[in-house]
All heavy atoms as atom14 arrays in JSON, in Angstrom:
{
  "sequence": "SAGLLNLEGASASSESVAACSARGVDISSHRSQPLSVELIEESDR",
  "atom14_mask": [
    [1, 1, 1, 1, 1, 1, 0, 0, 0, 0, 0, 0, 0, 0],
    [1, 1, 1, 1, 1, 0, 0, 0, 0, 0, 0, 0, 0, 0],
    [1, 1, 1, 1, 0, 0, 0, 0, 0, 0, 0, 0, 0, 0],
    [1, 1, 1, 1, 1, 1, 1, 1, 0, 0, 0, 0, 0, 0],
    [1, 1, 1, 1, 1, 1, 1, 1, 0, 0, 0, 0, 0, 0],
    [1, 1, 1, 1, 1, 1, 1, 1, 0, 0, 0, 0, 0, 0],
    [1, 1, 1, 1, 1, 1, 1, 1, 0, 0, 0, 0, 0, 0],
    [1, 1, 1, 1, 1, 1, 1, 1, 1, 0, 0, 0, 0, 0],
    [1, 1, 1, 1, 0, 0, 0, 0, 0, 0, 0, 0, 0, 0],
    [1, 1, 1, 1, 1, 0, 0, 0, 0, 0, 0, 0, 0, 0],
    [1, 1, 1, 1, 1, 1, 0, 0, 0, 0, 0, 0, 0, 0],
    [1, 1, 1, 1, 1, 0, 0, 0, 0, 0, 0, 0, 0, 0],
    [1, 1, 1, 1, 1, 1, 0, 0, 0, 0, 0, 0, 0, 0],
    [1, 1, 1, 1, 1, 1, 0, 0, 0, 0, 0, 0, 0, 0],
    [1, 1, 1, 1, 1, 1, 1, 1, 1, 0, 0, 0, 0, 0],
    [1, 1, 1, 1, 1, 1, 0, 0, 0, 0, 0, 0, 0, 0],
    [1, 1, 1, 1, 1, 1, 1, 0, 0, 0, 0, 0, 0, 0],
    [1, 1, 1, 1, 1, 0, 0, 0, 0, 0, 0, 0, 0, 0],
    [1, 1, 1, 1, 1, 0, 0, 0, 0, 0, 0, 0, 0, 0],
    [1, 1, 1, 1, 1, 1, 0, 0, 0, 0, 0, 0, 0, 0],
    [1, 1, 1, 1, 1, 1, 0, 0, 0, 0, 0, 0, 0, 0],
    [1, 1, 1, 1, 1, 0, 0, 0, 0, 0, 0, 0, 0, 0],
    [1, 1, 1, 1, 1, 1, 1, 1, 1, 1, 1, 0, 0, 0],
    [1, 1, 1, 1, 0, 0, 0, 0, 0, 0, 0, 0, 0, 0],
    [1, 1, 1, 1, 1, 1, 1, 0, 0, 0, 0, 0, 0, 0],
    [1, 1, 1, 1, 1, 1, 1, 1, 0, 0, 0, 0, 0, 0],
    [1, 1, 1, 1, 1, 1, 1, 1, 0, 0, 0, 0, 0, 0],
    [1, 1, 1, 1, 1, 1, 0, 0, 0, 0, 0, 0, 0, 0],
    [1, 1, 1, 1, 1, 1, 0, 0, 0, 0, 0, 0, 0, 0],
    [1, 1, 1, 1, 1, 1, 1, 1, 1, 1, 0, 0, 0, 0],
    [1, 1, 1, 1, 1, 1, 1, 1, 1, 1, 1, 0, 0, 0],
    [1, 1, 1, 1, 1, 1, 0, 0, 0, 0, 0, 0, 0, 0],
    [1, 1, 1, 1, 1, 1, 1, 1, 1, 0, 0, 0, 0, 0],
    [1, 1, 1, 1, 1, 1, 1, 0, 0, 0, 0, 0, 0, 0],
    [1, 1, 1, 1, 1, 1, 1, 1, 0, 0, 0, 0, 0, 0],
    [1, 1, 1, 1, 1, 1, 0, 0, 0, 0, 0, 0, 0, 0],
    [1, 1, 1, 1, 1, 1, 1, 0, 0, 0, 0, 0, 0, 0],
    [1, 1, 1, 1, 1, 1, 1, 1, 1, 0, 0, 0, 0, 0],
    [1, 1, 1, 1, 1, 1, 1, 1, 0, 0, 0, 0, 0, 0],
    [1, 1, 1, 1, 1, 1, 1, 1, 0, 0, 0, 0, 0, 0],
    [1, 1, 1, 1, 1, 1, 1, 1, 1, 0, 0, 0, 0, 0],
    [1, 1, 1, 1, 1, 1, 1, 1, 1, 0, 0, 0, 0, 0],
    [1, 1, 1, 1, 1, 1, 0, 0, 0, 0, 0, 0, 0, 0],
    [1, 1, 1, 1, 1, 1, 1, 1, 0, 0, 0, 0, 0, 0],
    [1, 1, 1, 1, 1, 1, 1, 1, 1, 1, 1, 0, 0, 0]
  ],
  "atom14_positions": [
    [[0.87, -1.2, 0.04], [0.02, -0.07, -0.04], [0.82, 1.25, -0.05], [2.08, 1.26, 0.38], [-0.88, -0.05, 1.24], [-0.17, 0.01, 2.33], [0.0, 0.0, 0.0], [0.0, 0.0, 0.0], [0.0, 0.0, 0.0], [0.0, 0.0, 0.0], [0.0, 0.0, 0.0], [0.0, 0.0, 0.0], [0.0, 0.0, 0.0], [0.0, 0.0, 0.0]],
    [[0.32, 2.43, -0.46], [1.12, 3.51, -0.44], [0.1, 4.74, -0.36], [-1.22, 4.66, -0.5], [1.89, 3.73, -1.78], [0.0, 0.0, 0.0], [0.0, 0.0, 0.0], [0.0, 0.0, 0.0], [0.0, 0.0, 0.0], [0.0, 0.0, 0.0], [0.0, 0.0, 0.0], [0.0, 0.0, 0.0], [0.0, 0.0, 0.0], [0.0, 0.0, 0.0]],
    [[0.61, 6.03, -0.15], [-0.17, 7.14, -0.09], [0.35, 8.33, -0.92], [1.44, 8.39, -1.38], [0.0, 0.0, 0.0], [0.0, 0.0, 0.0], [0.0, 0.0, 0.0], [0.0, 0.0, 0.0], [0.0, 0.0, 0.0], [0.0, 0.0, 0.0], [0.0, 0.0, 0.0], [0.0, 0.0, 0.0], [0.0, 0.0, 0.0], [0.0, 0.0, 0.0]],
    [[-0.64, 9.23, -1.18], [-0.27, 10.44, -2.09], [0.79, 11.41, -1.33], [1.51, 11.99, -1.99], [-1.5, 11.11, -2.54], [-2.54, 10.41, -3.35], [-3.61, 11.46, -3.85], [-1.94, 9.54, -4.35], [0.0, 0.0, 0.0], [0.0, 0.0, 0.0], [0.0, 0.0, 0.0], [0.0, 0.0, 0.0], [0.0, 0.0, 0.0], [0.0, 0.0, 0.0]],
    [[0.52, 11.53, -0.04], [1.33, 12.38, 0.73], [2.87, 11.79, 0.78], [3.17, 10.75, 0.82], [0.89, 12.62, 2.11], [-0.49, 13.14, 2.23], [-0.93, 13.27, 3.73], [-0.58, 14.5, 1.48], [0.0, 0.0, 0.0], [0.0, 0.0, 0.0], [0.0, 0.0, 0.0], [0.0, 0.0, 0.0], [0.0, 0.0, 0.0], [0.0, 0.0, 0.0]],
    [[3.81, 12.67, 0.91], [5.27, 12.35, 1.02], [5.48, 11.93, 2.41], [6.26, 12.64, 3.1], [6.08, 13.47, 0.53], [7.48, 12.99, 0.5], [7.8, 11.88, 0.3], [8.55, 13.88, 0.55], [0.0, 0.0, 0.0], [0.0, 0.0, 0.0], [0.0, 0.0, 0.0], [0.0, 0.0, 0.0], [0.0, 0.0, 0.0], [0.0, 0.0, 0.0]],
    [[4.86, 10.92, 2.85], [4.94, 10.46, 4.3], [5.52, 9.05, 4.38], [5.03, 8.15, 3.88], [3.5, 10.39, 4.91], [3.4, 10.09, 6.46], [4.03, 11.16, 7.22], [1.82, 9.99, 6.77], [0.0, 0.0, 0.0], [0.0, 0.0, 0.0], [0.0, 0.0, 0.0], [0.0, 0.0, 0.0], [0.0, 0.0, 0.0], [0.0, 0.0, 0.0]],
    [[6.76, 8.88, 5.02], [7.4, 7.67, 4.89], [7.88, 7.19, 6.37], [8.34, 7.96, 7.24], [8.74, 7.8, 4.21], [9.5, 6.42, 3.91], [10.49, 6.51, 2.84], [10.68, 7.59, 2.22], [11.09, 5.46, 2.45], [0.0, 0.0, 0.0], [0.0, 0.0, 0.0], [0.0, 0.0, 0.0], [0.0, 0.0, 0.0], [0.0, 0.0, 0.0]],
    [[7.42, 5.95, 6.57], [7.9, 5.49, 7.98], [6.92, 5.55, 9.01], [7.06, 5.14, 10.21], [0.0, 0.0, 0.0], [0.0, 0.0, 0.0], [0.0, 0.0, 0.0], [0.0, 0.0, 0.0], [0.0, 0.0, 0.0], [0.0, 0.0, 0.0], [0.0, 0.0, 0.0], [0.0, 0.0, 0.0], [0.0, 0.0, 0.0], [0.0, 0.0, 0.0]],
    [[5.69, 6.18, 8.71], [4.68, 6.35, 9.8], [3.88, 5.1, 10.05], [3.61, 4.33, 9.11], [3.68, 7.48, 9.5], [0.0, 0.0, 0.0], [0.0, 0.0, 0.0], [0.0, 0.0, 0.0], [0.0, 0.0, 0.0], [0.0, 0.0, 0.0], [0.0, 0.0, 0.0], [0.0, 0.0, 0.0], [0.0, 0.0, 0.0], [0.0, 0.0, 0.0]],
    [[3.53, 4.81, 11.33], [2.76, 3.7, 11.7], [1.33, 3.84, 11.15], [0.87, 4.95, 11.01], [2.73, 3.49, 13.16], [4.05, 3.28, 13.73], [0.0, 0.0, 0.0], [0.0, 0.0, 0.0], [0.0, 0.0, 0.0], [0.0, 0.0, 0.0], [0.0, 0.0, 0.0], [0.0, 0.0, 0.0], [0.0, 0.0, 0.0], [0.0, 0.0, 0.0]],
    [[0.51, 2.7, 11.18], [-0.9, 2.83, 10.86], [-1.51, 3.45, 12.17], [-1.05, 3.29, 13.24], [-1.45, 1.37, 10.62], [0.0, 0.0, 0.0], [0.0, 0.0, 0.0], [0.0, 0.0, 0.0], [0.0, 0.0, 0.0], [0.0, 0.0, 0.0], [0.0, 0.0, 0.0], [0.0, 0.0, 0.0], [0.0, 0.0, 0.0], [0.0, 0.0, 0.0]],
    [[-2.63, 4.23, 11.95], [-3.27, 4.86, 13.13], [-3.63, 3.81, 14.13], [-4.03, 2.71, 13.76], [-4.45, 5.67, 12.62], [-5.51, 4.83, 12.07], [0.0, 0.0, 0.0], [0.0, 0.0, 0.0], [0.0, 0.0, 0.0], [0.0, 0.0, 0.0], [0.0, 0.0, 0.0], [0.0, 0.0, 0.0], [0.0, 0.0, 0.0], [0.0, 0.0, 0.0]],
    [[-3.76, 4.23, 15.39], [-4.26, 3.29, 16.37], [-5.61, 2.71, 16.14], [-5.97, 1.55, 16.47], [-4.08, 3.92, 17.69], [-4.93, 5.03, 17.85], [0.0, 0.0, 0.0], [0.0, 0.0, 0.0], [0.0, 0.0, 0.0], [0.0, 0.0, 0.0], [0.0, 0.0, 0.0], [0.0, 0.0, 0.0], [0.0, 0.0, 0.0], [0.0, 0.0, 0.0]],
    [[-6.54, 3.55, 15.62], [-7.89, 3.15, 15.28], [-7.91, 2.17, 14.21], [-8.68, 1.21, 14.25], [-8.77, 4.46, 14.91], [-8.84, 5.46, 15.99], [-7.72, 6.52, 16.05], [-6.77, 6.27, 15.33], [-7.79, 7.41, 16.85], [0.0, 0.0, 0.0], [0.0, 0.0, 0.0], [0.0, 0.0, 0.0], [0.0, 0.0, 0.0], [0.0, 0.0, 0.0]],
    [[-7.07, 2.32, 13.23], [-7.04, 1.35, 11.98], [-6.54, -0.08, 12.66], [-7.0, -1.15, 12.23], [-6.07, 1.78, 10.99], [-6.73, 3.02, 10.43], [0.0, 0.0, 0.0], [0.0, 0.0, 0.0], [0.0, 0.0, 0.0], [0.0, 0.0, 0.0], [0.0, 0.0, 0.0], [0.0, 0.0, 0.0], [0.0, 0.0, 0.0], [0.0, 0.0, 0.0]],
    [[-5.44, 0.05, 13.42], [-4.97, -1.23, 13.92], [-6.0, -1.89, 14.93], [-6.15, -3.15, 14.7], [-3.69, -0.81, 14.92], [-3.22, -2.06, 15.58], [-2.51, -0.23, 14.07], [0.0, 0.0, 0.0], [0.0, 0.0, 0.0], [0.0, 0.0, 0.0], [0.0, 0.0, 0.0], [0.0, 0.0, 0.0], [0.0, 0.0, 0.0], [0.0, 0.0, 0.0]],
    [[-6.69, -1.21, 15.59], [-7.72, -1.85, 16.43], [-8.8, -2.38, 15.56], [-9.3, -3.54, 15.82], [-8.3, -0.78, 17.4], [0.0, 0.0, 0.0], [0.0, 0.0, 0.0], [0.0, 0.0, 0.0], [0.0, 0.0, 0.0], [0.0, 0.0, 0.0], [0.0, 0.0, 0.0], [0.0, 0.0, 0.0], [0.0, 0.0, 0.0], [0.0, 0.0, 0.0]],
    [[-9.38, -1.62, 14.56], [-10.39, -2.11, 13.69], [-9.91, -3.41, 12.95], [-10.8, -4.29, 12.75], [-10.77, -1.0, 12.61], [0.0, 0.0, 0.0], [0.0, 0.0, 0.0], [0.0, 0.0, 0.0], [0.0, 0.0, 0.0], [0.0, 0.0, 0.0], [0.0, 0.0, 0.0], [0.0, 0.0, 0.0], [0.0, 0.0, 0.0], [0.0, 0.0, 0.0]],
    [[-8.78, -3.52, 12.44], [-8.14, -4.71, 11.87], [-8.1, -5.83, 12.9], [-8.42, -6.93, 12.54], [-6.91, -4.35, 11.17], [-7.06, -3.59, 9.62], [0.0, 0.0, 0.0], [0.0, 0.0, 0.0], [0.0, 0.0, 0.0], [0.0, 0.0, 0.0], [0.0, 0.0, 0.0], [0.0, 0.0, 0.0], [0.0, 0.0, 0.0], [0.0, 0.0, 0.0]],
    [[-7.57, -5.58, 14.03], [-7.47, -6.5, 15.01], [-8.73, -7.28, 15.32], [-8.83, -8.44, 15.57], [-6.88, -5.99, 16.3], [-6.62, -6.89, 17.24], [0.0, 0.0, 0.0], [0.0, 0.0, 0.0], [0.0, 0.0, 0.0], [0.0, 0.0, 0.0], [0.0, 0.0, 0.0], [0.0, 0.0, 0.0], [0.0, 0.0, 0.0], [0.0, 0.0, 0.0]],
    [[-9.83, -6.52, 15.35], [-11.15, -6.98, 15.66], [-11.61, -7.95, 14.49], [-12.46, -8.84, 14.74], [-12.15, -5.94, 15.72], [0.0, 0.0, 0.0], [0.0, 0.0, 0.0], [0.0, 0.0, 0.0], [0.0, 0.0, 0.0], [0.0, 0.0, 0.0], [0.0, 0.0, 0.0], [0.0, 0.0, 0.0], [0.0, 0.0, 0.0], [0.0, 0.0, 0.0]],
    [[-10.84, -7.92, 13.38], [-11.24, -8.82, 12.23], [-10.15, -9.83, 12.07], [-10.12, -10.45, 10.94], [-11.37, -7.97, 11.0], [-12.61, -7.01, 10.93], [-12.62, -6.03, 10.06], [-13.86, -5.3, 9.97], [-14.35, -4.4, 10.87], [-13.4, -4.08, 11.94], [-15.51, -3.78, 10.86], [0.0, 0.0, 0.0], [0.0, 0.0, 0.0], [0.0, 0.0, 0.0]],
    [[-9.37, -9.99, 13.1], [-8.24, -11.12, 13.04], [-7.16, -10.7, 12.07], [-6.38, -11.64, 11.45], [0.0, 0.0, 0.0], [0.0, 0.0, 0.0], [0.0, 0.0, 0.0], [0.0, 0.0, 0.0], [0.0, 0.0, 0.0], [0.0, 0.0, 0.0], [0.0, 0.0, 0.0], [0.0, 0.0, 0.0], [0.0, 0.0, 0.0], [0.0, 0.0, 0.0]],
    [[-6.89, -9.3, 11.85], [-5.84, -8.94, 10.98], [-4.74, -8.05, 11.77], [-5.28, -7.07, 12.52], [-6.46, -8.12, 9.85], [-5.29, -7.56, 8.95], [-7.44, -9.01, 8.99], [0.0, 0.0, 0.0], [0.0, 0.0, 0.0], [0.0, 0.0, 0.0], [0.0, 0.0, 0.0], [0.0, 0.0, 0.0], [0.0, 0.0, 0.0], [0.0, 0.0, 0.0]],
    [[-3.56, -8.34, 11.7], [-2.5, -7.54, 12.39], [-1.83, -6.59, 11.37], [-1.11, -7.04, 10.42], [-1.54, -8.57, 13.03], [-0.47, -7.74, 13.87], [-0.65, -6.58, 14.05], [0.41, -8.49, 14.41], [0.0, 0.0, 0.0], [0.0, 0.0, 0.0], [0.0, 0.0, 0.0], [0.0, 0.0, 0.0], [0.0, 0.0, 0.0], [0.0, 0.0, 0.0]],
    [[-1.92, -5.28, 11.64], [-1.27, -4.34, 10.8], [-0.42, -3.36, 11.65], [0.08, -2.31, 11.22], [-2.24, -3.52, 9.96], [-3.16, -2.58, 10.82], [-3.02, -4.3, 9.0], [-3.97, -1.47, 9.98], [0.0, 0.0, 0.0], [0.0, 0.0, 0.0], [0.0, 0.0, 0.0], [0.0, 0.0, 0.0], [0.0, 0.0, 0.0], [0.0, 0.0, 0.0]],
    [[-0.02, -3.93, 12.88], [0.74, -3.03, 13.78], [2.09, -2.79, 13.48], [2.73, -1.87, 13.8], [0.78, -3.83, 15.11], [1.4, -5.06, 15.05], [0.0, 0.0, 0.0], [0.0, 0.0, 0.0], [0.0, 0.0, 0.0], [0.0, 0.0, 0.0], [0.0, 0.0, 0.0], [0.0, 0.0, 0.0], [0.0, 0.0, 0.0], [0.0, 0.0, 0.0]],
    [[2.71, -3.62, 12.42], [4.05, -3.52, 11.98], [4.08, -2.58, 10.72], [5.18, -2.34, 10.06], [4.82, -4.75, 11.66], [4.0, -5.42, 10.76], [0.0, 0.0, 0.0], [0.0, 0.0, 0.0], [0.0, 0.0, 0.0], [0.0, 0.0, 0.0], [0.0, 0.0, 0.0], [0.0, 0.0, 0.0], [0.0, 0.0, 0.0], [0.0, 0.0, 0.0]],
    [[2.95, -2.2, 10.28], [2.87, -1.33, 8.95], [3.63, -0.02, 9.03], [3.6, 0.63, 10.18], [1.38, -0.95, 8.67], [1.36, 0.01, 7.54], [1.45, -0.34, 6.29], [1.15, 1.29, 7.5], [1.24, 0.74, 5.39], [1.12, 1.77, 6.22], [0.0, 0.0, 0.0], [0.0, 0.0, 0.0], [0.0, 0.0, 0.0], [0.0, 0.0, 0.0]],
    [[4.34, 0.29, 7.97], [4.99, 1.68, 7.84], [4.7, 2.23, 6.57], [4.75, 1.6, 5.59], [6.53, 1.48, 8.01], [7.03, 1.02, 9.45], [6.71, 1.87, 10.54], [7.09, 1.39, 11.77], [6.38, 0.75, 12.7], [5.01, 0.41, 12.26], [6.81, 0.31, 13.85], [0.0, 0.0, 0.0], [0.0, 0.0, 0.0], [0.0, 0.0, 0.0]],
    [[4.2, 3.51, 6.61], [3.75, 4.16, 5.36], [4.97, 4.42, 4.4], [6.17, 4.47, 4.61], [3.19, 5.5, 5.74], [4.2, 6.45, 6.18], [0.0, 0.0, 0.0], [0.0, 0.0, 0.0], [0.0, 0.0, 0.0], [0.0, 0.0, 0.0], [0.0, 0.0, 0.0], [0.0, 0.0, 0.0], [0.0, 0.0, 0.0], [0.0, 0.0, 0.0]],
    [[4.53, 4.54, 3.1], [5.44, 4.91, 1.95], [4.66, 5.68, 1.04], [3.52, 5.5, 0.74], [5.95, 3.63, 1.44], [4.99, 2.73, 0.7], [5.64, 1.54, 0.0], [6.81, 1.65, -0.46], [4.87, 0.56, -0.21], [0.0, 0.0, 0.0], [0.0, 0.0, 0.0], [0.0, 0.0, 0.0], [0.0, 0.0, 0.0], [0.0, 0.0, 0.0]],
    [[5.41, 6.59, 0.29], [4.62, 7.48, -0.71], [4.66, 6.71, -1.93], [5.31, 5.9, -2.37], [5.64, 8.63, -0.81], [7.0, 8.19, -0.52], [6.74, 7.1, 0.74], [0.0, 0.0, 0.0], [0.0, 0.0, 0.0], [0.0, 0.0, 0.0], [0.0, 0.0, 0.0], [0.0, 0.0, 0.0], [0.0, 0.0, 0.0], [0.0, 0.0, 0.0]],
    [[3.5, 7.03, -2.66], [3.27, 6.57, -4.08], [4.36, 6.88, -5.0], [4.83, 8.03, -4.92], [1.9, 7.02, -4.55], [1.41, 6.4, -5.92], [1.18, 4.88, -5.8], [0.24, 7.18, -6.38], [0.0, 0.0, 0.0], [0.0, 0.0, 0.0], [0.0, 0.0, 0.0], [0.0, 0.0, 0.0], [0.0, 0.0, 0.0], [0.0, 0.0, 0.0]],
    [[4.83, 6.03, -5.78], [5.87, 6.31, -6.75], [5.6, 5.63, -8.06], [4.75, 4.7, -8.19], [7.16, 5.82, -6.26], [7.22, 4.37, -6.16], [0.0, 0.0, 0.0], [0.0, 0.0, 0.0], [0.0, 0.0, 0.0], [0.0, 0.0, 0.0], [0.0, 0.0, 0.0], [0.0, 0.0, 0.0], [0.0, 0.0, 0.0], [0.0, 0.0, 0.0]],
    [[6.19, 6.06, -9.1], [5.96, 5.58, -10.51], [6.54, 4.08, -10.42], [5.93, 3.2, -10.99], [6.87, 6.28, -11.46], [6.93, 5.62, -12.81], [6.33, 7.7, -11.78], [0.0, 0.0, 0.0], [0.0, 0.0, 0.0], [0.0, 0.0, 0.0], [0.0, 0.0, 0.0], [0.0, 0.0, 0.0], [0.0, 0.0, 0.0], [0.0, 0.0, 0.0]],
    [[7.63, 3.77, -9.71], [8.12, 2.41, -9.6], [7.08, 1.59, -9.01], [6.8, 0.38, -9.52], [9.39, 2.53, -8.8], [10.09, 1.07, -8.69], [11.24, 0.93, -7.85], [11.55, 2.07, -7.15], [12.09, -0.11, -7.74], [0.0, 0.0, 0.0], [0.0, 0.0, 0.0], [0.0, 0.0, 0.0], [0.0, 0.0, 0.0], [0.0, 0.0, 0.0]],
    [[6.43, 1.85, -7.84], [5.54, 1.0, -7.37], [4.28, 0.8, -8.22], [3.82, -0.28, -8.26], [4.9, 1.77, -5.99], [5.61, 1.51, -4.75], [4.98, 2.36, -3.6], [5.54, 0.03, -4.29], [0.0, 0.0, 0.0], [0.0, 0.0, 0.0], [0.0, 0.0, 0.0], [0.0, 0.0, 0.0], [0.0, 0.0, 0.0], [0.0, 0.0, 0.0]],
    [[3.83, 1.82, -8.9], [2.77, 1.74, -9.9], [3.09, 0.69, -10.95], [2.28, -0.15, -11.32], [2.4, 3.07, -10.5], [1.86, 3.96, -9.38], [1.38, 2.87, -11.63], [1.7, 5.46, -9.9], [0.0, 0.0, 0.0], [0.0, 0.0, 0.0], [0.0, 0.0, 0.0], [0.0, 0.0, 0.0], [0.0, 0.0, 0.0], [0.0, 0.0, 0.0]],
    [[4.19, 0.94, -11.54], [4.57, 0.18, -12.74], [4.89, -1.39, -12.41], [4.73, -2.27, -13.33], [5.8, 0.77, -13.45], [5.4, 2.11, -14.09], [6.48, 2.76, -14.92], [7.63, 2.31, -14.88], [6.2, 3.78, -15.63], [0.0, 0.0, 0.0], [0.0, 0.0, 0.0], [0.0, 0.0, 0.0], [0.0, 0.0, 0.0], [0.0, 0.0, 0.0]],
    [[5.26, -1.63, -11.16], [5.54, -2.99, -10.78], [4.35, -3.84, -10.28], [4.4, -5.05, -10.12], [6.67, -3.06, -9.73], [6.33, -2.59, -8.41], [7.34, -2.86, -7.33], [8.53, -2.86, -7.72], [7.03, -2.75, -6.16], [0.0, 0.0, 0.0], [0.0, 0.0, 0.0], [0.0, 0.0, 0.0], [0.0, 0.0, 0.0], [0.0, 0.0, 0.0]],
    [[3.19, -2.99, -10.05], [2.01, -3.69, -9.64], [1.06, -4.12, -10.74], [1.13, -3.59, -11.81], [1.22, -2.66, -8.8], [1.93, -2.14, -7.67], [0.0, 0.0, 0.0], [0.0, 0.0, 0.0], [0.0, 0.0, 0.0], [0.0, 0.0, 0.0], [0.0, 0.0, 0.0], [0.0, 0.0, 0.0], [0.0, 0.0, 0.0], [0.0, 0.0, 0.0]],
    [[0.38, -5.21, -10.46], [-0.44, -5.7, -11.55], [-1.93, -5.37, -11.3], [-2.7, -5.27, -12.27], [-0.4, -7.31, -11.52], [1.04, -7.82, -11.67], [1.46, -7.56, -12.77], [1.66, -8.24, -10.69], [0.0, 0.0, 0.0], [0.0, 0.0, 0.0], [0.0, 0.0, 0.0], [0.0, 0.0, 0.0], [0.0, 0.0, 0.0], [0.0, 0.0, 0.0]],
    [[-2.35, -5.16, -10.13], [-3.72, -4.66, -9.76], [-3.55, -3.55, -8.71], [-2.96, -3.79, -7.64], [-4.54, -5.81, -9.14], [-4.77, -6.94, -10.03], [-5.82, -6.6, -11.11], [-6.13, -7.89, -11.88], [-5.47, -8.5, -12.71], [-4.38, -7.94, -13.16], [-5.98, -9.61, -13.35], [0.0, 0.0, 0.0], [0.0, 0.0, 0.0], [0.0, 0.0, 0.0]]
  ]
}
């Protein structure tokens, strides 16, 4: 995943972590990255 803002290395919000945890999904180790041409071109969907 990636974002439009030039934000790199930020954790997922605590609310997002909690919402996912309630669904059996752990995103506590997530770190943000900015969207790039390289990311776009290497992705299939």
